[in-house]
């Protein structure tokens, strides 16, 4: 049996990592998991991010910079404890379910950051499940790539840097690698 594969998407803030995850999810139902689209104010400035469970279609506020949400704080963002629980439940349900589709699913985790890796909060409860899972698409900041690679030691890994210039052209190549 071939080793499962993991694409680690990395890039600077605003480079289009989440946009690429959404493009992959639109390309095929095999892409499941959690994406974190930006929340914008009326002027188009990012004031937070939502969580969207691709398995259920549910979407909720995960973090905001312009409101106190009652959960952990990281940087300028306040996180929703209830939102984190829903995000963890979404991923735990997907990562704990055996694949049943003809095409093996690819689980998206957008994003693993310092909240998880340095503080043990956010999506940290599902990180131990990654090592034993099938195909993964993991989103991470450039400074944390090595630490995320260590979470999936048995996976064949490919690191892809997303930029505003390439974010619209990567989906088919990534999808092909998971075939």
Foldseek 3Di string as FASTA:
>chain_A
DDFFAEEEEAEDPPFCPLVLLVVLVVVDVLEWAKGWAFDADPVGHGFATWIAGSVVRDIGGAWGLVDAQPDDDDDSIHGHPVRLVVRLVSHCVVLVDDDDDPQHHEYEDHADECCCVVVVDRNVVCLLSQQVGHHYYYYYYPVCVVVSCVSHVRHHYDYDYGGNVCSVPCSVVVVVVSD
